[in-house]
């Protein structure tokens, strides 16, 4: 399977209308509730998805996360991660 194409930097990702984000206090984890599926956001995925509110461009999200996680490979990993979520239909 090839890597998903990374959308342009003007893309302002937000959750698709059918997706609901919830915090599960029992698991102490953030979840994405999808029709007939549940996605568990592990690691820094919750921080990334939390910034996908439709107001920030991908570059803005990368900038915020770079400041929050110095030394992490944010610029290399976040855009392809967002592209995968878009390809799955979780983001638009």
N, C-alpha and C. Protein backbone atom coordinates (compact mmCIF):
# COMPACT_ATOMS: atom_id res chain seq x y z
N UNK A 1 0.85 -1.17 0.00
CA UNK A 1 0.00 0.00 0.00
C UNK A 1 0.89 1.23 0.00
N UNK A 2 0.64 2.17 -0.87
CA UNK A 2 1.45 3.38 -0.93
C UNK A 2 0.98 4.39 0.11
N UNK A 3 1.87 5.30 0.45
CA UNK A 3 1.54 6.34 1.42
C UNK A 3 0.51 7.28 0.81
N UNK A 4 -0.40 7.79 1.64
CA UNK A 4 -1.40 8.72 1.11
C UNK A 4 -0.75 10.02 0.68
N UNK A 5 -1.34 10.64 -0.32
CA UNK A 5 -0.84 11.93 -0.76
C UNK A 5 -1.12 12.96 0.32
N UNK A 6 -0.14 13.77 0.61
CA UNK A 6 -0.30 14.80 1.64
C UNK A 6 -1.04 15.97 1.01
N UNK A 7 -2.20 16.36 1.58
CA UNK A 7 -2.95 17.49 1.03
C UNK A 7 -2.14 18.78 1.10
N UNK A 8 -2.57 19.77 0.34
CA UNK A 8 -1.89 21.06 0.34
C UNK A 8 -1.94 21.73 1.70
N UNK A 9 -1.07 22.71 1.87
CA UNK A 9 -0.96 23.37 3.16
C UNK A 9 -2.15 24.28 3.46
N UNK A 10 -3.01 24.55 2.50
CA UNK A 10 -4.18 25.39 2.75
C UNK A 10 -5.34 24.59 3.34
N UNK A 11 -5.21 23.28 3.38
CA UNK A 11 -6.25 22.42 3.95
C UNK A 11 -6.40 22.74 5.43
N UNK A 12 -7.63 22.90 5.87
CA UNK A 12 -7.96 23.16 7.28
C UNK A 12 -8.76 21.97 7.80
N UNK A 13 -8.05 20.96 8.31
CA UNK A 13 -8.72 19.71 8.68
C UNK A 13 -9.70 19.89 9.84
N UNK A 14 -10.80 19.13 9.74
CA UNK A 14 -11.78 19.05 10.83
C UNK A 14 -12.40 17.67 10.77
N UNK A 15 -12.96 17.24 11.89
CA UNK A 15 -13.60 15.93 11.92
C UNK A 15 -14.76 15.89 10.94
N UNK A 16 -14.94 14.76 10.31
CA UNK A 16 -16.09 14.56 9.43
C UNK A 16 -17.36 14.59 10.27
N UNK A 17 -18.47 14.99 9.68
CA UNK A 17 -19.71 15.14 10.45
C UNK A 17 -20.17 13.87 11.17
N UNK A 18 -19.86 12.71 10.65
CA UNK A 18 -20.32 11.46 11.27
C UNK A 18 -19.44 11.02 12.43
N UNK A 19 -18.36 11.75 12.71
CA UNK A 19 -17.40 11.37 13.75
C UNK A 19 -17.61 12.23 14.99
N UNK A 20 -17.58 11.58 16.14
CA UNK A 20 -17.70 12.29 17.42
C UNK A 20 -16.47 11.96 18.25
N UNK A 21 -15.88 12.99 18.84
CA UNK A 21 -14.72 12.80 19.72
C UNK A 21 -15.20 12.83 21.16
N UNK A 22 -14.78 11.82 21.92
CA UNK A 22 -15.16 11.71 23.33
C UNK A 22 -13.95 11.28 24.14
N UNK A 23 -13.97 11.66 25.41
CA UNK A 23 -12.95 11.17 26.33
C UNK A 23 -13.57 10.05 27.15
N UNK A 24 -12.89 8.91 27.21
CA UNK A 24 -13.35 7.78 28.00
C UNK A 24 -12.60 7.81 29.32
N UNK A 25 -13.27 8.20 30.42
CA UNK A 25 -12.57 8.29 31.70
C UNK A 25 -12.11 6.94 32.24
N UNK A 26 -12.79 5.86 31.87
CA UNK A 26 -12.39 4.54 32.34
C UNK A 26 -11.04 4.16 31.75
N UNK A 27 -10.86 4.38 30.45
CA UNK A 27 -9.59 4.08 29.78
C UNK A 27 -8.60 5.23 29.87
N UNK A 28 -9.11 6.40 30.30
CA UNK A 28 -8.34 7.64 30.26
C UNK A 28 -7.74 7.83 28.87
N UNK A 29 -8.62 7.72 27.88
CA UNK A 29 -8.20 7.83 26.49
C UNK A 29 -9.23 8.63 25.70
N UNK A 30 -8.75 9.30 24.66
CA UNK A 30 -9.66 9.99 23.75
C UNK A 30 -10.06 9.02 22.66
N UNK A 31 -11.33 9.07 22.30
CA UNK A 31 -11.90 8.16 21.32
C UNK A 31 -12.51 8.94 20.17
N UNK A 32 -12.50 8.34 19.00
CA UNK A 32 -13.27 8.82 17.87
C UNK A 32 -14.38 7.81 17.64
N UNK A 33 -15.61 8.25 17.82
CA UNK A 33 -16.75 7.37 17.63
C UNK A 33 -17.22 7.51 16.19
N UNK A 34 -17.12 6.40 15.47
CA UNK A 34 -17.49 6.36 14.07
C UNK A 34 -18.66 5.41 13.91
N UNK A 35 -19.39 5.52 12.83
CA UNK A 35 -20.45 4.53 12.61
C UNK A 35 -19.86 3.11 12.64
N UNK A 36 -20.31 2.32 13.59
CA UNK A 36 -19.94 0.92 13.74
C UNK A 36 -18.46 0.68 14.08
N UNK A 37 -17.73 1.73 14.48
CA UNK A 37 -16.32 1.58 14.86
C UNK A 37 -15.97 2.59 15.94
N UNK A 38 -14.90 2.29 16.65
CA UNK A 38 -14.35 3.22 17.62
C UNK A 38 -12.85 3.28 17.38
N UNK A 39 -12.33 4.48 17.26
CA UNK A 39 -10.89 4.67 17.13
C UNK A 39 -10.34 5.21 18.44
N UNK A 40 -9.31 4.57 18.97
CA UNK A 40 -8.67 5.03 20.20
C UNK A 40 -7.45 5.86 19.81
N UNK A 41 -7.41 7.09 20.28
CA UNK A 41 -6.28 7.97 19.98
C UNK A 41 -5.19 7.75 21.01
N UNK A 42 -4.08 7.20 20.57
CA UNK A 42 -2.97 6.90 21.48
C UNK A 42 -1.84 7.90 21.26
N UNK A 43 -0.97 7.97 22.24
CA UNK A 43 0.19 8.85 22.14
C UNK A 43 -0.23 10.28 21.91
N UNK A 44 0.43 10.94 20.99
CA UNK A 44 0.14 12.35 20.72
C UNK A 44 -0.99 12.54 19.71
N UNK A 45 -1.61 11.45 19.28
CA UNK A 45 -2.70 11.55 18.29
C UNK A 45 -3.85 12.42 18.80
N UNK A 46 -4.15 12.35 20.09
CA UNK A 46 -5.24 13.17 20.64
C UNK A 46 -4.91 14.65 20.52
N UNK A 47 -3.65 15.01 20.76
CA UNK A 47 -3.23 16.41 20.63
C UNK A 47 -3.36 16.87 19.19
N UNK A 48 -2.98 16.02 18.25
CA UNK A 48 -3.06 16.37 16.83
C UNK A 48 -4.52 16.54 16.43
N UNK A 49 -5.35 15.55 16.72
CA UNK A 49 -6.76 15.61 16.31
C UNK A 49 -7.48 16.76 17.02
N UNK A 50 -7.08 17.05 18.25
CA UNK A 50 -7.69 18.16 18.98
C UNK A 50 -7.50 19.51 18.31
N UNK A 51 -6.47 19.63 17.51
CA UNK A 51 -6.21 20.88 16.78
C UNK A 51 -6.94 20.94 15.44
N UNK A 52 -7.59 19.86 15.06
CA UNK A 52 -8.29 19.80 13.77
C UNK A 52 -9.72 20.30 13.95
N UNK A 53 -9.84 21.63 14.03
CA UNK A 53 -11.15 22.24 14.26
C UNK A 53 -11.67 23.01 13.07
N UNK A 54 -10.97 22.93 11.95
CA UNK A 54 -11.40 23.61 10.73
C UNK A 54 -10.93 25.05 10.64
N UNK A 55 -10.25 25.55 11.67
CA UNK A 55 -9.76 26.93 11.63
C UNK A 55 -8.28 27.01 11.34
N UNK A 56 -7.54 25.95 11.66
CA UNK A 56 -6.09 25.95 11.48
C UNK A 56 -5.70 25.20 10.21
N UNK A 57 -4.73 25.76 9.50
CA UNK A 57 -4.16 25.04 8.36
C UNK A 57 -3.20 23.99 8.89
N UNK A 58 -2.83 23.04 8.07
CA UNK A 58 -1.89 21.99 8.47
C UNK A 58 -0.60 22.62 8.99
N UNK A 59 -0.09 23.64 8.32
CA UNK A 59 1.13 24.30 8.77
C UNK A 59 0.96 24.90 10.17
N UNK A 60 -0.22 25.44 10.46
CA UNK A 60 -0.49 26.00 11.79
C UNK A 60 -0.47 24.90 12.85
N UNK A 61 -1.06 23.76 12.53
CA UNK A 61 -1.08 22.63 13.45
C UNK A 61 0.35 22.16 13.73
N UNK A 62 1.14 22.06 12.68
CA UNK A 62 2.55 21.65 12.83
C UNK A 62 3.28 22.65 13.72
N UNK A 63 3.04 23.92 13.52
CA UNK A 63 3.73 24.95 14.31
C UNK A 63 3.36 24.84 15.80
N UNK A 64 2.08 24.68 16.10
CA UNK A 64 1.64 24.55 17.49
C UNK A 64 2.28 23.32 18.14
N UNK A 65 2.28 22.21 17.41
CA UNK A 65 2.81 20.97 17.96
C UNK A 65 4.33 21.00 18.09
N UNK A 66 5.00 21.68 17.19
CA UNK A 66 6.46 21.83 17.27
C UNK A 66 6.83 22.58 18.54
N UNK A 67 6.04 23.62 18.87
CA UNK A 67 6.28 24.36 20.11
C UNK A 67 5.98 23.50 21.34
N UNK A 68 4.94 22.67 21.26
CA UNK A 68 4.53 21.85 22.40
C UNK A 68 5.44 20.65 22.62
N UNK A 69 6.02 20.12 21.53
CA UNK A 69 6.86 18.92 21.61
C UNK A 69 8.21 19.18 20.96
N UNK A 70 9.06 20.01 21.58
CA UNK A 70 10.36 20.33 20.97
C UNK A 70 11.19 19.07 20.74
N UNK A 71 11.79 19.03 19.58
CA UNK A 71 12.65 17.90 19.25
C UNK A 71 11.92 16.73 18.61
N UNK A 72 10.59 16.72 18.66
CA UNK A 72 9.82 15.64 18.03
C UNK A 72 9.75 15.89 16.52
N UNK A 73 9.68 14.82 15.74
CA UNK A 73 9.64 14.97 14.27
C UNK A 73 8.25 15.35 13.75
N UNK A 74 7.71 16.43 14.30
CA UNK A 74 6.34 16.86 14.01
C UNK A 74 6.14 17.14 12.52
N UNK A 75 7.02 17.94 11.93
CA UNK A 75 6.85 18.33 10.53
C UNK A 75 6.88 17.14 9.58
N UNK A 76 7.62 16.10 9.95
CA UNK A 76 7.71 14.92 9.09
C UNK A 76 6.55 13.96 9.30
N UNK A 77 5.99 13.92 10.50
CA UNK A 77 4.99 12.89 10.81
C UNK A 77 3.54 13.37 10.81
N UNK A 78 3.30 14.62 11.18
CA UNK A 78 1.91 15.06 11.31
C UNK A 78 1.18 15.18 9.96
N UNK A 79 1.75 15.83 8.94
CA UNK A 79 1.01 15.91 7.67
C UNK A 79 0.62 14.54 7.09
N UNK A 80 1.52 13.53 7.08
CA UNK A 80 1.09 12.22 6.57
C UNK A 80 0.03 11.56 7.47
N UNK A 81 0.12 11.78 8.79
CA UNK A 81 -0.88 11.25 9.71
C UNK A 81 -2.24 11.85 9.40
N UNK A 82 -2.30 13.16 9.21
CA UNK A 82 -3.56 13.82 8.87
C UNK A 82 -4.08 13.34 7.52
N UNK A 83 -3.18 13.12 6.58
CA UNK A 83 -3.58 12.62 5.26
C UNK A 83 -4.20 11.23 5.38
N UNK A 84 -3.64 10.37 6.25
CA UNK A 84 -4.21 9.03 6.45
C UNK A 84 -5.61 9.12 7.05
N UNK A 85 -5.78 10.02 8.03
CA UNK A 85 -7.11 10.19 8.62
C UNK A 85 -8.11 10.70 7.60
N UNK A 86 -7.64 11.57 6.71
CA UNK A 86 -8.51 12.08 5.64
C UNK A 86 -8.87 10.96 4.67
N UNK A 87 -7.88 10.15 4.34
CA UNK A 87 -8.11 9.04 3.42
C UNK A 87 -9.13 8.05 4.00
N UNK A 88 -9.09 7.86 5.33
CA UNK A 88 -10.04 6.97 6.01
C UNK A 88 -11.42 7.60 6.10
N UNK A 89 -11.52 8.89 5.83
CA UNK A 89 -12.81 9.57 5.92
C UNK A 89 -13.09 10.15 7.29
N UNK A 90 -12.09 10.17 8.17
CA UNK A 90 -12.28 10.68 9.53
C UNK A 90 -12.15 12.19 9.56
N UNK A 91 -11.37 12.76 8.66
CA UNK A 91 -11.21 14.20 8.55
C UNK A 91 -11.68 14.65 7.17
N UNK A 92 -12.05 15.91 7.13
CA UNK A 92 -12.37 16.50 5.82
C UNK A 92 -11.79 17.88 5.74
